[in-house]
Every structure is written in structure tokens, then in C-alpha cells.
Amino acid sequence: MSKELAVSSDQLLAFETDCHLFKDCGFPAPSVWSFLFDPIFSVGPVDFNKPMLLALIGTVVILAFFWAAFSKPKLVPGKFQMVAEILYDFVRNGIARETIGKKGEPFVPFLVSLFFFVWILNLWALIPLAQFPVNSVIAFPVGLALMVWVVYMTVTFKTNGFVGGIRNLCVPSGLPKPIYVILTPIEFVSNIFVRPFTLAVRLFANMFAGHILILIFTIATWYMLGTLLGTVYATASFALTLVLTVFEMFIQALQAYVFTVLTATYLSQALEEAH
């Protein structure tokens, strides 16, 4: 695999310097090399590559931002504290209270942390020098989805007990008894397996596809330069790259919102009393 990646990197370097349209060289479309990175440094047995480093930096940025805003809160907030309060209230009022209700107040810090962590991991795609959405690496959405699943299961069984938790997960109330023969296995598979799977795949697929699209048109802009006709094509490709970038900004925030809303929905169900 490393040898194949080295060849791909060499081909990419040749493309960046010499390969253009009408010069008898094929378009090097984004491939596996767009999502695999060599280690930057190591701490003991752990190797840190670019996505891992961006995730760590993102964590530090979020902690520093809210610490600076709320470590010494003022009755009349300054501009920095006001921005932080608006962002915090957006998640608390727009997601936690709207979805869970009053019972959602203890989960507000978790939902706020989750929203901004997912958002900043997505946002790295547009930051110069970084230019990579961390959630386009499947391991990160899977890790986040597993964390949500653990919280979801913990709250379900803590609220309802073991028997009540099973009933909460598998036995919807108010339905004719014969339906449960079919519905109970479906609910079990949906709540235990499908929910974390779709939560992870939805986030990963959107960030992966967005990064691929922007890469294709960014590379195409350079690839088509070199002749008058090629420059016309390159201009159109560059314009489309800008449009896709603006659209991607919307998708990045939307996916963070969707991920957090679905988490709040699962917690709302977990807090319901089994019947």
C-alpha cells in the first residue's frame, strides 16, 4: 500500500508541474491519496497524522473559545461573551429544549460540545493549509456515533431500568398485540444497530462527497490552463469551485446540526417512560 501511495504522490507532483489539458496526459482524479496521510509525529506508540492533529487542534480551539468567553462572565456581556452566549443558546433553545423539553437541560453541555466539535471538524475543509474535512475519514464519525450510542443506551437503562429499557427500545406502546411479533425485532435492530450506523455514515458520506467534488474542480482548474480555450474552461471550473465551496459551508453547518438534533431525539426517546 505504501508503495502504491508513493507512486500516486509522484504522479500528483508531475501533474501539478507539467500536466495540462491538450498535453497528452490524463486527468488525475482524486483517489485514495486524498484521504490517507503519513504520520507527522509520534507520541509513544501512537502516530499522529493530519486528520488527528486537526481534531486535536479543533478540540483546543473549542475549549479555549468557551473558556475565554465564560471563565469570567459579566452581567453585561462584552462582544466575545455575547457571541458565545448566542451560540450556546442556539443549541440549548433550538435543539435541546425544542427536542427534549425541560428534561434536556442536563444534556445541554454534551449537545453543545457535540455540535461545535462536529462543526469544526467539518470546517477544517475551508481553512487554508488544513483544507481537509476530518469527518471525511470514517473513523471520526464512527467514534462520535459510538459515543452517542453509549450515552443513549446509558440514559435509556438508567431512566427505565433493565426491563423498562428493553421495552423502551423494542416495544412501542399503544399498538395491537399481534403487530409486536413483527415490530419488536424491527425496533430492536433499528435502535441498537441502524441508528449509530446511519448517524456515522450520513456525516461521513456528506463530508467525503463534498471534499471529492471540490478537489475535482480545483484540480480541473489547474489542469485546463495552458491554452486560450483551456483557460476558458479553467475559468468556468474555478467559478464552480467557488460555488461549491459556499455550498459546502452550508452543508458543514447543516450536518453538525442534523447530527446533534438526531442525538437529542435519541435522548428524548431514552427519557420516555416505558409502558
Protein backbone atom coordinates (compact mmCIF):
# COMPACT_ATOMS: atom_id res chain seq x y z
CA MET A 1 0.00 0.00 0.00
CA SER A 2 2.79 2.48 0.87
CA LYS A 3 4.48 1.81 -2.47
CA GLU A 4 1.21 2.46 -4.30
CA LEU A 5 0.74 5.69 -2.38
CA ALA A 6 4.26 6.78 -3.23
CA VAL A 7 3.55 6.23 -6.92
CA SER A 8 0.33 8.19 -6.61
CA SER A 9 2.16 11.04 -4.90
CA ASP A 10 4.78 11.12 -7.66
CA GLN A 11 2.06 11.20 -10.28
CA LEU A 12 0.35 14.02 -8.45
CA LEU A 13 3.58 16.01 -8.29
CA ALA A 14 4.12 15.55 -12.03
CA PHE A 15 0.56 16.68 -12.62
CA GLU A 16 0.99 19.82 -10.54
CA THR A 17 4.05 20.90 -12.51
CA ASP A 18 3.60 19.67 -16.08
CA CYS A 19 0.24 18.03 -16.73
CA HIS A 20 -2.36 20.19 -18.50
CA LEU A 21 -5.18 19.69 -20.95
CA PHE A 22 -4.08 19.22 -24.59
CA LYS A 23 -0.65 18.00 -23.43
CA ASP A 24 -1.36 14.29 -23.83
CA CYS A 25 -1.70 13.49 -20.14
CA GLY A 26 -4.79 12.17 -18.42
CA PHE A 27 -6.72 13.91 -15.68
CA PRO A 28 -5.51 12.55 -12.32
CA ALA A 29 -8.82 12.29 -10.47
CA PRO A 30 -8.83 12.30 -6.65
CA SER A 31 -8.27 8.84 -5.25
CA VAL A 32 -7.13 7.11 -2.08
CA TRP A 33 -4.20 9.51 -1.71
CA SER A 34 -6.70 12.30 -0.97
CA PHE A 35 -7.70 10.70 2.34
CA LEU A 36 -4.56 8.88 3.57
CA PHE A 37 -1.77 10.78 5.30
CA ASP A 38 1.66 9.87 6.57
CA PRO A 39 2.37 10.37 10.30
CA ILE A 40 3.54 13.87 11.22
CA PHE A 41 4.89 12.95 14.65
CA SER A 42 4.62 10.16 17.19
CA VAL A 43 3.93 10.06 20.91
CA GLY A 44 5.00 6.66 22.17
CA PRO A 45 3.26 4.01 20.05
CA VAL A 46 0.70 6.48 18.68
CA ASP A 47 1.34 8.11 15.29
CA PHE A 48 -0.40 11.42 14.67
CA ASN A 49 -1.33 12.25 11.08
CA LYS A 50 -3.01 15.35 9.67
CA PRO A 51 -6.66 14.48 10.49
CA MET A 52 -5.74 13.50 14.06
CA LEU A 53 -3.78 16.71 14.52
CA LEU A 54 -6.65 18.80 13.15
CA ALA A 55 -9.06 17.05 15.55
CA LEU A 56 -6.78 17.89 18.48
CA ILE A 57 -6.39 21.50 17.40
CA GLY A 58 -10.15 21.75 16.93
CA THR A 59 -10.70 20.49 20.47
CA VAL A 60 -8.28 23.06 21.85
CA VAL A 61 -9.93 25.86 19.84
CA ILE A 62 -13.40 25.00 21.19
CA LEU A 63 -12.19 24.73 24.78
CA ALA A 64 -10.21 27.98 24.52
CA PHE A 65 -13.13 29.84 22.95
CA PHE A 66 -15.71 28.94 25.59
CA TRP A 67 -13.20 29.22 28.43
CA ALA A 68 -12.27 32.73 27.34
CA ALA A 69 -15.94 33.66 26.97
CA PHE A 70 -17.28 32.24 30.24
CA SER A 71 -14.34 31.98 32.67
CA LYS A 72 -15.14 35.49 33.95
CA PRO A 73 -18.72 36.15 32.83
CA LYS A 74 -20.13 39.65 33.14
CA LEU A 75 -23.69 40.72 33.79
CA VAL A 76 -23.46 42.98 30.77
CA PRO A 77 -21.58 40.77 28.33
CA GLY A 78 -18.90 42.06 26.02
CA LYS A 79 -18.90 41.21 22.32
CA PHE A 80 -16.92 37.98 22.78
CA GLN A 81 -19.14 36.70 25.59
CA MET A 82 -22.24 37.75 23.66
CA VAL A 83 -21.22 35.71 20.61
CA ALA A 84 -20.54 32.67 22.82
CA GLU A 85 -23.92 33.08 24.55
CA ILE A 86 -25.73 33.28 21.20
CA LEU A 87 -24.02 30.10 20.01
CA TYR A 88 -24.71 28.31 23.30
CA ASP A 89 -28.36 29.41 23.32
CA PHE A 90 -28.77 28.24 19.74
CA VAL A 91 -28.06 24.66 20.81
CA ARG A 92 -29.83 24.89 24.16
CA ASN A 93 -33.04 26.52 22.92
CA GLY A 94 -33.07 25.41 19.30
CA ILE A 95 -32.08 21.78 19.82
CA ALA A 96 -32.13 20.60 23.45
CA ARG A 97 -35.30 22.31 24.68
CA GLU A 98 -37.05 22.08 21.32
CA THR A 99 -36.43 18.34 21.02
CA ILE A 100 -36.22 17.03 24.57
CA GLY A 101 -38.01 19.69 26.61
CA LYS A 102 -37.20 20.58 30.21
CA LYS A 103 -35.64 17.16 30.80
CA GLY A 104 -32.97 18.06 28.24
CA GLU A 105 -31.27 20.69 30.40
CA PRO A 106 -28.67 18.29 31.90
CA PHE A 107 -27.64 17.26 28.37
CA VAL A 108 -27.08 20.78 27.05
CA PRO A 109 -23.29 20.78 27.69
CA PHE A 110 -22.97 17.45 25.88
CA LEU A 111 -25.03 18.64 22.91
CA VAL A 112 -23.18 21.97 22.72
CA SER A 113 -19.82 20.18 22.75
CA LEU A 114 -21.01 17.69 20.14
CA PHE A 115 -22.36 20.36 17.79
CA PHE A 116 -19.26 22.53 17.80
CA PHE A 117 -16.86 19.60 17.63
CA VAL A 118 -18.60 18.14 14.57
CA TRP A 119 -18.82 21.61 13.00
CA ILE A 120 -15.17 22.50 13.43
CA LEU A 121 -14.03 19.09 12.15
CA ASN A 122 -16.08 19.82 9.04
CA LEU A 123 -14.94 23.42 8.84
CA TRP A 124 -11.27 22.49 8.50
CA ALA A 125 -12.01 21.82 4.82
CA LEU A 126 -12.14 25.56 4.19
CA ILE A 127 -9.27 26.67 6.42
CA PRO A 128 -6.05 27.49 4.48
CA LEU A 129 -3.22 24.99 4.98
CA ALA A 130 -5.64 22.50 6.59
CA GLN A 131 -8.14 22.16 3.72
CA PHE A 132 -9.42 18.78 4.79
CA PRO A 133 -12.72 17.82 6.46
CA VAL A 134 -11.74 15.49 9.29
CA ASN A 135 -15.13 13.78 9.22
CA SER A 136 -14.41 12.54 5.70
CA VAL A 137 -12.27 9.90 7.44
CA ILE A 138 -14.81 7.29 8.53
CA ALA A 139 -13.10 6.61 11.88
CA PHE A 140 -14.12 10.01 13.29
CA PRO A 141 -17.88 9.81 12.54
CA VAL A 142 -17.85 6.20 13.79
CA GLY A 143 -16.20 7.28 17.05
CA LEU A 144 -18.72 10.10 17.53
CA ALA A 145 -21.66 7.81 16.73
CA LEU A 146 -20.43 5.18 19.20
CA MET A 147 -20.12 7.86 21.90
CA VAL A 148 -23.70 8.97 21.22
CA TRP A 149 -24.86 5.33 21.26
CA VAL A 150 -23.23 4.71 24.66
CA VAL A 151 -24.89 7.82 26.13
CA TYR A 152 -28.21 6.81 24.54
CA MET A 153 -28.08 3.28 25.98
CA THR A 154 -26.90 4.52 29.39
CA VAL A 155 -29.73 7.05 29.70
CA THR A 156 -32.30 4.51 28.47
CA PHE A 157 -31.47 1.88 31.08
CA LYS A 158 -30.74 4.38 33.86
CA THR A 159 -34.14 6.01 33.36
CA ASN A 160 -36.25 2.88 32.85
CA GLY A 161 -34.30 0.06 34.44
CA PHE A 162 -33.31 -3.07 32.55
CA VAL A 163 -36.77 -4.42 31.71
CA GLY A 164 -38.21 -0.97 31.09
CA GLY A 165 -35.21 -0.08 28.94
CA ILE A 166 -35.73 -3.14 26.74
CA ARG A 167 -39.40 -2.24 26.49
CA ASN A 168 -38.49 1.35 25.64
CA LEU A 169 -36.18 0.21 22.85
CA CYS A 170 -38.24 -2.60 21.38
CA VAL A 171 -41.91 -2.30 22.33
CA PRO A 172 -43.74 0.88 21.24
CA SER A 173 -46.88 1.42 23.28
CA GLY A 174 -50.48 1.67 22.11
CA LEU A 175 -50.42 -0.85 19.26
CA PRO A 176 -52.41 -4.08 18.73
CA LYS A 177 -50.57 -7.03 20.25
CA PRO A 178 -50.21 -9.12 17.05
CA ILE A 179 -48.19 -6.30 15.46
CA TYR A 180 -45.46 -6.67 18.09
CA VAL A 181 -44.43 -10.01 16.59
CA ILE A 182 -43.16 -8.13 13.54
CA LEU A 183 -42.46 -4.71 15.05
CA THR A 184 -40.35 -5.71 18.08
CA PRO A 185 -37.45 -7.26 16.07
CA ILE A 186 -37.53 -4.29 13.68
CA GLU A 187 -37.38 -1.81 16.57
CA PHE A 188 -34.56 -3.77 18.19
CA VAL A 189 -32.41 -3.76 15.05
CA SER A 190 -33.27 -0.12 14.29
CA ASN A 191 -32.48 1.28 17.74
CA ILE A 192 -29.47 -0.88 18.57
CA PHE A 193 -27.69 -1.13 15.21
CA VAL A 194 -29.20 1.04 12.49
CA ARG A 195 -29.22 4.31 14.43
CA PRO A 196 -25.48 4.51 15.17
CA PHE A 197 -24.68 3.20 11.68
CA THR A 198 -26.77 5.81 9.86
CA LEU A 199 -25.59 8.55 12.22
CA ALA A 200 -21.97 7.85 11.28
CA VAL A 201 -22.49 7.16 7.57
CA ARG A 202 -24.62 10.27 6.98
CA LEU A 203 -21.92 12.57 8.35
CA PHE A 204 -19.07 10.71 6.66
CA ALA A 205 -20.75 10.49 3.25
CA ASN A 206 -21.60 14.19 3.10
CA MET A 207 -18.10 15.32 4.05
CA PHE A 208 -16.44 12.74 1.79
CA ALA A 209 -18.56 13.69 -1.23
CA GLY A 210 -18.11 17.42 -0.66
CA HIS A 211 -14.34 17.10 -0.41
CA ILE A 212 -14.19 14.97 -3.57
CA LEU A 213 -16.26 17.49 -5.55
CA ILE A 214 -14.16 20.46 -4.50
CA LEU A 215 -10.97 18.51 -5.25
CA ILE A 216 -12.17 17.56 -8.72
CA PHE A 217 -12.96 21.10 -9.78
CA THR A 218 -9.91 22.60 -8.06
CA ILE A 219 -7.61 20.16 -9.86
CA ALA A 220 -9.55 20.68 -13.10
CA THR A 221 -8.96 24.44 -12.87
CA TRP A 222 -5.20 23.92 -12.95
CA TYR A 223 -5.37 21.02 -15.39
CA MET A 224 -7.18 23.02 -18.06
CA LEU A 225 -4.84 26.01 -18.03
CA GLY A 226 -2.20 26.38 -20.74
CA THR A 227 -4.14 27.37 -23.85
CA LEU A 228 -6.72 30.04 -24.62
CA LEU A 229 -9.56 27.52 -24.88
CA GLY A 230 -8.30 25.67 -21.82
CA THR A 231 -8.25 28.93 -19.85
CA VAL A 232 -11.93 29.48 -20.67
CA TYR A 233 -12.67 26.00 -19.32
CA ALA A 234 -10.50 26.68 -16.27
CA THR A 235 -12.37 29.90 -15.52
CA ALA A 236 -15.67 28.07 -15.56
CA SER A 237 -14.23 25.33 -13.34
CA PHE A 238 -12.87 27.91 -10.87
CA ALA A 239 -16.25 29.65 -10.70
CA LEU A 240 -17.93 26.32 -9.96
CA THR A 241 -15.31 25.63 -7.29
CA LEU A 242 -16.28 28.87 -5.53
CA VAL A 243 -19.98 27.99 -5.73
CA LEU A 244 -19.33 24.52 -4.34
CA THR A 245 -17.22 25.98 -1.54
CA VAL A 246 -20.04 28.28 -0.44
CA PHE A 247 -22.49 25.37 -0.67
CA GLU A 248 -20.10 23.21 1.36
CA MET A 249 -20.06 25.82 4.14
CA PHE A 250 -23.82 25.39 4.42
CA ILE A 251 -23.58 21.58 4.36
CA GLN A 252 -20.89 21.59 7.06
CA ALA A 253 -23.08 23.53 9.48
CA LEU A 254 -26.18 21.57 8.47
CA GLN A 255 -24.53 18.21 9.14
CA ALA A 256 -23.40 19.36 12.59
CA TYR A 257 -26.99 20.47 13.27
CA VAL A 258 -28.51 17.21 11.97
CA PHE A 259 -26.06 15.10 13.98
CA THR A 260 -26.91 17.00 17.17
CA VAL A 261 -30.68 17.02 16.55
CA LEU A 262 -30.70 13.25 15.98
CA THR A 263 -28.69 12.78 19.19
CA ALA A 264 -31.24 14.92 21.06
CA THR A 265 -34.05 12.87 19.51
CA TYR A 266 -32.49 9.63 20.74
CA LEU A 267 -32.07 11.10 24.23
CA SER A 268 -35.68 12.26 24.21
CA GLN A 269 -36.80 8.71 23.48
CA ALA A 270 -34.46 7.35 26.16
CA LEU A 271 -36.09 9.64 28.75
CA GLU A 272 -39.60 8.43 27.91
CA GLU A 273 -41.12 6.08 30.42
CA ALA A 274 -41.78 2.61 29.09
CA HIS A 275 -45.38 1.48 29.15
